[in-house]
Every structure is written in C-alpha cells, then in structure tokens.
C-alpha cells in the first residue's frame, strides 16, 4: 500500500491505496471465490462469458488485470454484482 492525499474542504487527509499488483491479486481472489461458489469450472465460465479458458486462469492467478468490461461479463455470467469485486479493500 502507498499513501495518497484526500482533498476536501478541510485539511488534506492521508489515505492508503493498494498498489496495482495488490489490487489485481485481490480481484483475482474474488473472481476465483465467486466462480467456485457457483460451482463453475474455468472452462465453463470462459465459454459462457466469451473469454478464453487460459485468460480466466491468468486472471485468477493475477497475471492479468481485467478491464471493467471483462469484470462486467464475469459478474453477469456468475450472477454477481460487479461491486463484489471491489468492495471492502
């Protein structure tokens, strides 16, 4: 994590943000968690979402950071609101 300033009407407040690597790893865990919760294989998720199975594997291993549209497709396929991939960081 690294610090960032939050700007408001008052004095700047120090907040912490995840690095891109940390963020990608956390999203990867959540994709896998929801896929397993729905008892869906990587292959089935990929097919239903219009993605390659290897790409889904790379997402779950945090090798790639998914675009908002890919998360939308995964969320729709798994019947998960896209906010579940981002909440409570």
PDB file of N, CA and C in Angstrom:
ATOM      1  N   UNK A   1       0.835  -1.177   0.000  1.00  0.00           N
ATOM      2  CA  UNK A   1       0.000   0.000   0.000  1.00  0.00           C
ATOM      3  C   UNK A   1       0.873   1.230   0.000  1.00  0.00           C
ATOM      4  N   UNK A   2       0.320   2.292  -0.560  1.00  0.00           N
ATOM      5  CA  UNK A   2       1.058   3.534  -0.520  1.00  0.00           C
ATOM      6  C   UNK A   2       0.103   4.663  -0.183  1.00  0.00           C
ATOM      7  N   UNK A   3       0.603   5.729   0.453  1.00  0.00           N
ATOM      8  CA  UNK A   3      -0.278   6.815   0.868  1.00  0.00           C
ATOM      9  C   UNK A   3      -0.660   7.712  -0.295  1.00  0.00           C
ATOM     10  N   UNK A   4      -1.833   8.289  -0.187  1.00  0.00           N
ATOM     11  CA  UNK A   4      -2.314   9.280  -1.146  1.00  0.00           C
ATOM     12  C   UNK A   4      -3.069  10.329  -0.348  1.00  0.00           C
ATOM     13  N   UNK A   5      -3.139  11.520  -0.877  1.00  0.00           N
ATOM     14  CA  UNK A   5      -3.849  12.579  -0.185  1.00  0.00           C
ATOM     15  C   UNK A   5      -5.300  12.620  -0.638  1.00  0.00           C
ATOM     16  N   UNK A   6      -6.187  12.819   0.307  1.00  0.00           N
ATOM     17  CA  UNK A   6      -7.597  13.005   0.020  1.00  0.00           C
ATOM     18  C   UNK A   6      -7.878  14.492   0.159  1.00  0.00           C
ATOM     19  N   UNK A   7      -8.452  15.100  -0.858  1.00  0.00           N
ATOM     20  CA  UNK A   7      -8.695  16.526  -0.832  1.00  0.00           C
ATOM     21  C   UNK A   7     -10.157  16.812  -0.522  1.00  0.00           C
ATOM     22  N   UNK A   8     -10.372  17.645   0.466  1.00  0.00           N
ATOM     23  CA  UNK A   8     -11.721  18.062   0.836  1.00  0.00           C
ATOM     24  C   UNK A   8     -11.653  19.518   1.252  1.00  0.00           C
ATOM     25  N   UNK A   9     -12.750  20.021   1.786  1.00  0.00           N
ATOM     26  CA  UNK A   9     -12.793  21.419   2.221  1.00  0.00           C
ATOM     27  C   UNK A   9     -11.887  21.651   3.424  1.00  0.00           C
ATOM     28  N   UNK A  10     -11.620  20.591   4.148  1.00  0.00           N
ATOM     29  CA  UNK A  10     -10.779  20.693   5.331  1.00  0.00           C
ATOM     30  C   UNK A  10      -9.335  20.402   4.949  1.00  0.00           C
ATOM     31  N   UNK A  11      -8.546  20.109   5.929  1.00  0.00           N
ATOM     32  CA  UNK A  11      -7.151  19.770   5.668  1.00  0.00           C
ATOM     33  C   UNK A  11      -7.061  18.456   4.916  1.00  0.00           C
ATOM     34  N   UNK A  12      -6.029  18.306   4.087  1.00  0.00           N
ATOM     35  CA  UNK A  12      -5.853  17.031   3.376  1.00  0.00           C
ATOM     36  C   UNK A  12      -5.752  15.871   4.360  1.00  0.00           C
ATOM     37  N   UNK A  13      -6.362  14.774   4.002  1.00  0.00           N
ATOM     38  CA  UNK A  13      -6.359  13.579   4.836  1.00  0.00           C
ATOM     39  C   UNK A  13      -5.548  12.496   4.134  1.00  0.00           C
ATOM     40  N   UNK A  14      -4.702  11.825   4.881  1.00  0.00           N
ATOM     41  CA  UNK A  14      -3.880  10.769   4.317  1.00  0.00           C
ATOM     42  C   UNK A  14      -4.697   9.478   4.245  1.00  0.00           C
ATOM     43  N   UNK A  15      -4.786   8.893   3.055  1.00  0.00           N
ATOM     44  CA  UNK A  15      -5.477   7.620   2.872  1.00  0.00           C
ATOM     45  C   UNK A  15      -4.499   6.644   2.228  1.00  0.00           C
ATOM     46  N   UNK A  16      -4.792   5.366   2.338  1.00  0.00           N
ATOM     47  CA  UNK A  16      -3.910   4.368   1.750  1.00  0.00           C
ATOM     48  C   UNK A  16      -4.597   3.666   0.597  1.00  0.00           C
ATOM     49  N   UNK A  17      -3.844   3.464  -0.476  1.00  0.00           N
ATOM     50  CA  UNK A  17      -4.352   2.760  -1.646  1.00  0.00           C
ATOM     51  C   UNK A  17      -3.486   1.542  -1.899  1.00  0.00           C
ATOM     52  N   UNK A  18      -4.116   0.500  -2.440  1.00  0.00           N
ATOM     53  CA  UNK A  18      -3.371  -0.682  -2.840  1.00  0.00           C
ATOM     54  C   UNK A  18      -2.538  -0.374  -4.069  1.00  0.00           C
ATOM     55  N   UNK A  19      -1.428  -1.040  -4.195  1.00  0.00           N
ATOM     56  CA  UNK A  19      -0.669  -0.940  -5.439  1.00  0.00           C
ATOM     57  C   UNK A  19      -1.445  -1.696  -6.516  1.00  0.00           C
ATOM     58  N   UNK A  20      -1.082  -1.513  -7.769  1.00  0.00           N
ATOM     59  CA  UNK A  20      -1.762  -2.223  -8.852  1.00  0.00           C
ATOM     60  C   UNK A  20      -1.628  -3.741  -8.669  1.00  0.00           C
ATOM     61  N   UNK A  21      -0.456  -4.178  -8.240  1.00  0.00           N
ATOM     62  CA  UNK A  21      -0.214  -5.603  -8.027  1.00  0.00           C
ATOM     63  C   UNK A  21      -1.111  -6.149  -6.915  1.00  0.00           C
ATOM     64  N   UNK A  22      -1.215  -5.419  -5.811  1.00  0.00           N
ATOM     65  CA  UNK A  22      -2.079  -5.837  -4.701  1.00  0.00           C
ATOM     66  C   UNK A  22      -3.548  -5.840  -5.116  1.00  0.00           C
ATOM     67  N   UNK A  23      -3.942  -4.810  -5.843  1.00  0.00           N
ATOM     68  CA  UNK A  23      -5.322  -4.703  -6.317  1.00  0.00           C
ATOM     69  C   UNK A  23      -5.670  -5.880  -7.232  1.00  0.00           C
ATOM     70  N   UNK A  24      -4.790  -6.165  -8.179  1.00  0.00           N
ATOM     71  CA  UNK A  24      -5.009  -7.259  -9.119  1.00  0.00           C
ATOM     72  C   UNK A  24      -5.107  -8.590  -8.383  1.00  0.00           C
ATOM     73  N   UNK A  25      -4.256  -8.807  -7.386  1.00  0.00           N
ATOM     74  CA  UNK A  25      -4.286 -10.048  -6.611  1.00  0.00           C
ATOM     75  C   UNK A  25      -5.595 -10.191  -5.844  1.00  0.00           C
ATOM     76  N   UNK A  26      -6.083  -9.104  -5.293  1.00  0.00           N
ATOM     77  CA  UNK A  26      -7.344  -9.148  -4.539  1.00  0.00           C
ATOM     78  C   UNK A  26      -8.527  -9.427  -5.461  1.00  0.00           C
ATOM     79  N   UNK A  27      -8.573  -8.778  -6.611  1.00  0.00           N
ATOM     80  CA  UNK A  27      -9.651  -9.031  -7.576  1.00  0.00           C
ATOM     81  C   UNK A  27      -9.574 -10.483  -8.058  1.00  0.00           C
ATOM     82  N   UNK A  28      -8.370 -10.985  -8.280  1.00  0.00           N
ATOM     83  CA  UNK A  28      -8.184 -12.371  -8.724  1.00  0.00           C
ATOM     84  C   UNK A  28      -8.786 -13.349  -7.724  1.00  0.00           C
ATOM     85  N   UNK A  29      -8.524 -13.121  -6.429  1.00  0.00           N
ATOM     86  CA  UNK A  29      -9.076 -13.984  -5.380  1.00  0.00           C
ATOM     87  C   UNK A  29     -10.600 -13.975  -5.408  1.00  0.00           C
ATOM     88  N   UNK A  30     -11.159 -12.810  -5.646  1.00  0.00           N
ATOM     89  CA  UNK A  30     -12.618 -12.682  -5.636  1.00  0.00           C
ATOM     90  C   UNK A  30     -13.267 -13.344  -6.851  1.00  0.00           C
ATOM     91  N   UNK A  31     -12.616 -13.250  -7.991  1.00  0.00           N
ATOM     92  CA  UNK A  31     -13.137 -13.941  -9.180  1.00  0.00           C
ATOM     93  C   UNK A  31     -13.181 -15.440  -8.904  1.00  0.00           C
ATOM     94  N   UNK A  32     -12.077 -15.974  -8.408  1.00  0.00           N
ATOM     95  CA  UNK A  32     -12.000 -17.406  -8.126  1.00  0.00           C
ATOM     96  C   UNK A  32     -13.006 -17.813  -7.057  1.00  0.00           C
ATOM     97  N   UNK A  33     -13.130 -17.004  -6.010  1.00  0.00           N
ATOM     98  CA  UNK A  33     -14.066 -17.308  -4.924  1.00  0.00           C
ATOM     99  C   UNK A  33     -15.491 -17.433  -5.458  1.00  0.00           C
ATOM    100  N   UNK A  34     -15.915 -16.464  -6.264  1.00  0.00           N
ATOM    101  CA  UNK A  34     -17.281 -16.491  -6.783  1.00  0.00           C
ATOM    102  C   UNK A  34     -17.486 -17.609  -7.796  1.00  0.00           C
ATOM    103  N   UNK A  35     -16.468 -17.882  -8.596  1.00  0.00           N
ATOM    104  CA  UNK A  35     -16.587 -18.978  -9.562  1.00  0.00           C
ATOM    105  C   UNK A  35     -16.765 -20.304  -8.823  1.00  0.00           C
ATOM    106  N   UNK A  36     -15.959 -20.522  -7.814  1.00  0.00           N
ATOM    107  CA  UNK A  36     -16.057 -21.768  -7.049  1.00  0.00           C
ATOM    108  C   UNK A  36     -17.368 -21.835  -6.264  1.00  0.00           C
ATOM    109  N   UNK A  37     -17.805 -20.697  -5.746  1.00  0.00           N
ATOM    110  CA  UNK A  37     -19.067 -20.651  -5.002  1.00  0.00           C
ATOM    111  C   UNK A  37     -20.242 -21.053  -5.892  1.00  0.00           C
ATOM    112  N   UNK A  38     -20.134 -20.727  -7.166  1.00  0.00           N
ATOM    113  CA  UNK A  38     -21.195 -21.061  -8.123  1.00  0.00           C
ATOM    114  C   UNK A  38     -20.981 -22.436  -8.771  1.00  0.00           C
ATOM    115  N   UNK A  39     -19.938 -23.145  -8.341  1.00  0.00           N
ATOM    116  CA  UNK A  39     -19.609 -24.471  -8.889  1.00  0.00           C
ATOM    117  C   UNK A  39     -19.468 -24.455 -10.408  1.00  0.00           C
ATOM    118  N   UNK A  40     -18.699 -23.493 -10.884  1.00  0.00           N
ATOM    119  CA  UNK A  40     -18.464 -23.322 -12.317  1.00  0.00           C
ATOM    120  C   UNK A  40     -16.977 -23.533 -12.575  1.00  0.00           C
ATOM    121  N   UNK A  41     -16.647 -24.309 -13.583  1.00  0.00           N
ATOM    122  CA  UNK A  41     -15.240 -24.510 -13.940  1.00  0.00           C
ATOM    123  C   UNK A  41     -14.718 -23.279 -14.687  1.00  0.00           C
ATOM    124  N   UNK A  42     -13.405 -23.166 -14.764  1.00  0.00           N
ATOM    125  CA  UNK A  42     -12.816 -22.080 -15.551  1.00  0.00           C
ATOM    126  C   UNK A  42     -13.279 -22.175 -16.998  1.00  0.00           C
ATOM    127  N   UNK A  43     -13.330 -23.387 -17.509  1.00  0.00           N
ATOM    128  CA  UNK A  43     -13.729 -23.595 -18.897  1.00  0.00           C
ATOM    129  C   UNK A  43     -15.171 -23.149 -19.133  1.00  0.00           C
ATOM    130  N   UNK A  44     -16.062 -23.504 -18.221  1.00  0.00           N
ATOM    131  CA  UNK A  44     -17.466 -23.119 -18.366  1.00  0.00           C
ATOM    132  C   UNK A  44     -17.638 -21.608 -18.242  1.00  0.00           C
ATOM    133  N   UNK A  45     -16.955 -21.002 -17.274  1.00  0.00           N
ATOM    134  CA  UNK A  45     -17.016 -19.547 -17.119  1.00  0.00           C
ATOM    135  C   UNK A  45     -16.529 -18.869 -18.391  1.00  0.00           C
ATOM    136  N   UNK A  46     -15.401 -19.325 -18.897  1.00  0.00           N
ATOM    137  CA  UNK A  46     -14.833 -18.738 -20.107  1.00  0.00           C
ATOM    138  C   UNK A  46     -15.811 -18.848 -21.272  1.00  0.00           C
ATOM    139  N   UNK A  47     -16.374 -20.014 -21.461  1.00  0.00           N
ATOM    140  CA  UNK A  47     -17.304 -20.230 -22.567  1.00  0.00           C
ATOM    141  C   UNK A  47     -18.527 -19.316 -22.445  1.00  0.00           C
ATOM    142  N   UNK A  48     -19.135 -19.291 -21.260  1.00  0.00           N
ATOM    143  CA  UNK A  48     -20.349 -18.504 -21.065  1.00  0.00           C
ATOM    144  C   UNK A  48     -20.101 -17.002 -21.111  1.00  0.00           C
ATOM    145  N   UNK A  49     -18.889 -16.567 -20.735  1.00  0.00           N
ATOM    146  CA  UNK A  49     -18.560 -15.141 -20.727  1.00  0.00           C
ATOM    147  C   UNK A  49     -17.904 -14.683 -22.027  1.00  0.00           C
ATOM    148  N   UNK A  50     -17.623 -15.618 -22.932  1.00  0.00           N
ATOM    149  CA  UNK A  50     -16.987 -15.252 -24.192  1.00  0.00           C
ATOM    150  C   UNK A  50     -15.508 -14.948 -24.043  1.00  0.00           C
ATOM    151  N   UNK A  51     -14.840 -15.687 -23.154  1.00  0.00           N
ATOM    152  CA  UNK A  51     -13.417 -15.492 -22.902  1.00  0.00           C
ATOM    153  C   UNK A  51     -12.678 -16.803 -23.166  1.00  0.00           C
ATOM    154  N   UNK A  52     -11.363 -16.741 -23.235  1.00  0.00           N
ATOM    155  CA  UNK A  52     -10.558 -17.949 -23.345  1.00  0.00           C
ATOM    156  C   UNK A  52     -10.345 -18.530 -21.948  1.00  0.00           C
ATOM    157  N   UNK A  53     -10.306 -19.856 -21.844  1.00  0.00           N
ATOM    158  CA  UNK A  53     -10.093 -20.500 -20.551  1.00  0.00           C
ATOM    159  C   UNK A  53      -8.738 -20.109 -19.963  1.00  0.00           C
ATOM    160  N   UNK A  54      -7.742 -20.018 -20.805  1.00  0.00           N
ATOM    161  CA  UNK A  54      -6.414 -19.639 -20.311  1.00  0.00           C
ATOM    162  C   UNK A  54      -6.423 -18.218 -19.749  1.00  0.00           C
ATOM    163  N   UNK A  55      -7.217 -17.341 -20.358  1.00  0.00           N
ATOM    164  CA  UNK A  55      -7.329 -15.962 -19.872  1.00  0.00           C
ATOM    165  C   UNK A  55      -7.962 -15.941 -18.484  1.00  0.00           C
ATOM    166  N   UNK A  56      -9.008 -16.741 -18.282  1.00  0.00           N
ATOM    167  CA  UNK A  56      -9.644 -16.830 -16.963  1.00  0.00           C
ATOM    168  C   UNK A  56      -8.615 -17.324 -15.940  1.00  0.00           C
ATOM    169  N   UNK A  57      -7.830 -18.307 -16.309  1.00  0.00           N
ATOM    170  CA  UNK A  57      -6.776 -18.800 -15.424  1.00  0.00           C
ATOM    171  C   UNK A  57      -5.761 -17.723 -15.086  1.00  0.00           C
ATOM    172  N   UNK A  58      -5.378 -16.950 -16.079  1.00  0.00           N
ATOM    173  CA  UNK A  58      -4.426 -15.858 -15.841  1.00  0.00           C
ATOM    174  C   UNK A  58      -5.036 -14.791 -14.932  1.00  0.00           C
ATOM    175  N   UNK A  59      -6.328 -14.526 -15.090  1.00  0.00           N
ATOM    176  CA  UNK A  59      -6.991 -13.558 -14.211  1.00  0.00           C
ATOM    177  C   UNK A  59      -6.979 -14.051 -12.774  1.00  0.00           C
ATOM    178  N   UNK A  60      -7.305 -15.326 -12.585  1.00  0.00           N
ATOM    179  CA  UNK A  60      -7.367 -15.891 -11.237  1.00  0.00           C
ATOM    180  C   UNK A  60      -5.998 -16.023 -10.590  1.00  0.00           C
ATOM    181  N   UNK A  61      -4.951 -16.053 -11.388  1.00  0.00           N
ATOM    182  CA  UNK A  61      -3.578 -16.110 -10.863  1.00  0.00           C
ATOM    183  C   UNK A  61      -2.928 -14.736 -10.808  1.00  0.00           C
ATOM    184  N   UNK A  62      -3.716 -13.706 -11.072  1.00  0.00           N
ATOM    185  CA  UNK A  62      -3.273 -12.301 -11.017  1.00  0.00           C
ATOM    186  C   UNK A  62      -2.149 -11.992 -12.008  1.00  0.00           C
ATOM    187  N   UNK A  63      -2.086 -12.757 -13.103  1.00  0.00           N
ATOM    188  CA  UNK A  63      -1.106 -12.443 -14.148  1.00  0.00           C
ATOM    189  C   UNK A  63      -1.589 -11.286 -15.006  1.00  0.00           C
ATOM    190  N   UNK A  64      -2.925 -11.169 -15.142  1.00  0.00           N
ATOM    191  CA  UNK A  64      -3.533 -10.081 -15.899  1.00  0.00           C
ATOM    192  C   UNK A  64      -4.504  -9.340 -14.998  1.00  0.00           C
ATOM    193  N   UNK A  65      -4.656  -8.064 -15.265  1.00  0.00           N
ATOM    194  CA  UNK A  65      -5.631  -7.237 -14.561  1.00  0.00           C
ATOM    195  C   UNK A  65      -6.826  -7.041 -15.494  1.00  0.00           C
ATOM    196  N   UNK A  66      -8.020  -7.495 -15.100  1.00  0.00           N
ATOM    197  CA  UNK A  66      -9.167  -7.429 -16.016  1.00  0.00           C
ATOM    198  C   UNK A  66      -9.686  -6.013 -16.212  1.00  0.00           C
ATOM    199  N   UNK A  67     -10.212  -5.774 -17.398  1.00  0.00           N
ATOM    200  CA  UNK A  67     -10.856  -4.488 -17.669  1.00  0.00           C
ATOM    201  C   UNK A  67     -12.213  -4.469 -16.980  1.00  0.00           C
ATOM    202  N   UNK A  68     -12.812  -3.304 -16.897  1.00  0.00           N
ATOM    203  CA  UNK A  68     -14.155  -3.178 -16.317  1.00  0.00           C
ATOM    204  C   UNK A  68     -15.148  -4.020 -17.107  1.00  0.00           C
ATOM    205  N   UNK A  69     -14.994  -4.056 -18.425  1.00  0.00           N
ATOM    206  CA  UNK A  69     -15.921  -4.827 -19.252  1.00  0.00           C
ATOM    207  C   UNK A  69     -15.784  -6.327 -19.008  1.00  0.00           C
ATOM    208  N   UNK A  70     -14.571  -6.802 -18.827  1.00  0.00           N
ATOM    209  CA  UNK A  70     -14.367  -8.227 -18.533  1.00  0.00           C
ATOM    210  C   UNK A  70     -14.981  -8.560 -17.173  1.00  0.00           C
ATOM    211  N   UNK A  71     -14.806  -7.690 -16.185  1.00  0.00           N
ATOM    212  CA  UNK A  71     -15.434  -7.927 -14.880  1.00  0.00           C
ATOM    213  C   UNK A  71     -16.958  -7.915 -14.988  1.00  0.00           C
ATOM    214  N   UNK A  72     -17.476  -7.038 -15.830  1.00  0.00           N
ATOM    215  CA  UNK A  72     -18.921  -6.993 -16.084  1.00  0.00           C
ATOM    216  C   UNK A  72     -19.394  -8.336 -16.645  1.00  0.00           C
ATOM    217  N   UNK A  73     -18.670  -8.852 -17.636  1.00  0.00           N
ATOM    218  CA  UNK A  73     -19.037 -10.129 -18.259  1.00  0.00           C
ATOM    219  C   UNK A  73     -18.949 -11.284 -17.254  1.00  0.00           C
ATOM    220  N   UNK A  74     -17.902 -11.292 -16.455  1.00  0.00           N
ATOM    221  CA  UNK A  74     -17.744 -12.340 -15.447  1.00  0.00           C
ATOM    222  C   UNK A  74     -18.849 -12.229 -14.399  1.00  0.00           C
ATOM    223  N   UNK A  75     -19.116 -11.015 -13.948  1.00  0.00           N
ATOM    224  CA  UNK A  75     -20.170 -10.800 -12.967  1.00  0.00           C
ATOM    225  C   UNK A  75     -21.531 -11.250 -13.470  1.00  0.00           C
ATOM    226  N   UNK A  76     -21.861 -10.887 -14.698  1.00  0.00           N
ATOM    227  CA  UNK A  76     -23.149 -11.296 -15.286  1.00  0.00           C
ATOM    228  C   UNK A  76     -23.225 -12.815 -15.398  1.00  0.00           C
ATOM    229  N   UNK A  77     -22.144 -13.426 -15.835  1.00  0.00           N
ATOM    230  CA  UNK A  77     -22.111 -14.881 -16.008  1.00  0.00           C
ATOM    231  C   UNK A  77     -22.295 -15.593 -14.672  1.00  0.00           C
ATOM    232  N   UNK A  78     -21.650 -15.082 -13.619  1.00  0.00           N
ATOM    233  CA  UNK A  78     -21.724 -15.717 -12.307  1.00  0.00           C
ATOM    234  C   UNK A  78     -22.887 -15.212 -11.460  1.00  0.00           C
ATOM    235  N   UNK A  79     -23.656 -14.269 -12.007  1.00  0.00           N
ATOM    236  CA  UNK A  79     -24.768 -13.651 -11.275  1.00  0.00           C
ATOM    237  C   UNK A  79     -24.269 -12.984  -9.988  1.00  0.00           C
ATOM    238  N   UNK A  80     -23.221 -12.180 -10.155  1.00  0.00           N
ATOM    239  CA  UNK A  80     -22.604 -11.445  -9.056  1.00  0.00           C
ATOM    240  C   UNK A  80     -22.550  -9.982  -9.457  1.00  0.00           C
ATOM    241  N   UNK A  81     -22.967  -9.102  -8.560  1.00  0.00           N
ATOM    242  CA  UNK A  81     -22.864  -7.673  -8.838  1.00  0.00           C
ATOM    243  C   UNK A  81     -21.384  -7.302  -8.941  1.00  0.00           C
ATOM    244  N   UNK A  82     -21.056  -6.501  -9.925  1.00  0.00           N
ATOM    245  CA  UNK A  82     -19.651  -6.145 -10.171  1.00  0.00           C
ATOM    246  C   UNK A  82     -19.008  -5.477  -8.942  1.00  0.00           C
ATOM    247  N   UNK A  83     -19.803  -4.852  -8.112  1.00  0.00           N
ATOM    248  CA  UNK A  83     -19.244  -4.205  -6.910  1.00  0.00           C
ATOM    249  C   UNK A  83     -18.619  -5.228  -5.953  1.00  0.00           C
ATOM    250  N   UNK A  84     -19.028  -6.490  -6.033  1.00  0.00           N
ATOM    251  CA  UNK A  84     -18.454  -7.534  -5.182  1.00  0.00           C
ATOM    252  C   UNK A  84     -16.954  -7.726  -5.455  1.00  0.00           C
ATOM    253  N   UNK A  85     -16.519  -7.361  -6.636  1.00  0.00           N
ATOM    254  CA  UNK A  85     -15.098  -7.487  -6.966  1.00  0.00           C
ATOM    255  C   UNK A  85     -14.263  -6.355  -6.390  1.00  0.00           C
ATOM    256  N   UNK A  86     -14.934  -5.284  -5.917  1.00  0.00           N
ATOM    257  CA  UNK A  86     -14.221  -4.088  -5.453  1.00  0.00           C
ATOM    258  C   UNK A  86     -14.486  -3.700  -4.003  1.00  0.00           C
ATOM    259  N   UNK A  87     -15.492  -4.260  -3.384  1.00  0.00           N
ATOM    260  CA  UNK A  87     -15.898  -3.782  -2.051  1.00  0.00           C
ATOM    261  C   UNK A  87     -14.904  -4.163  -0.967  1.00  0.00           C
ATOM    262  N   UNK A  88     -14.827  -3.300   0.018  1.00  0.00           N
ATOM    263  CA  UNK A  88     -14.040  -3.529   1.245  1.00  0.00           C
ATOM    264  C   UNK A  88     -12.546  -3.757   1.034  1.00  0.00           C
ATOM    265  N   UNK A  89     -11.930  -2.923   0.246  1.00  0.00           N
ATOM    266  CA  UNK A  89     -10.477  -3.017   0.105  1.00  0.00           C
ATOM    267  C   UNK A  89      -9.818  -2.321   1.257  1.00  0.00           C
TER     268      UNK A  89
END
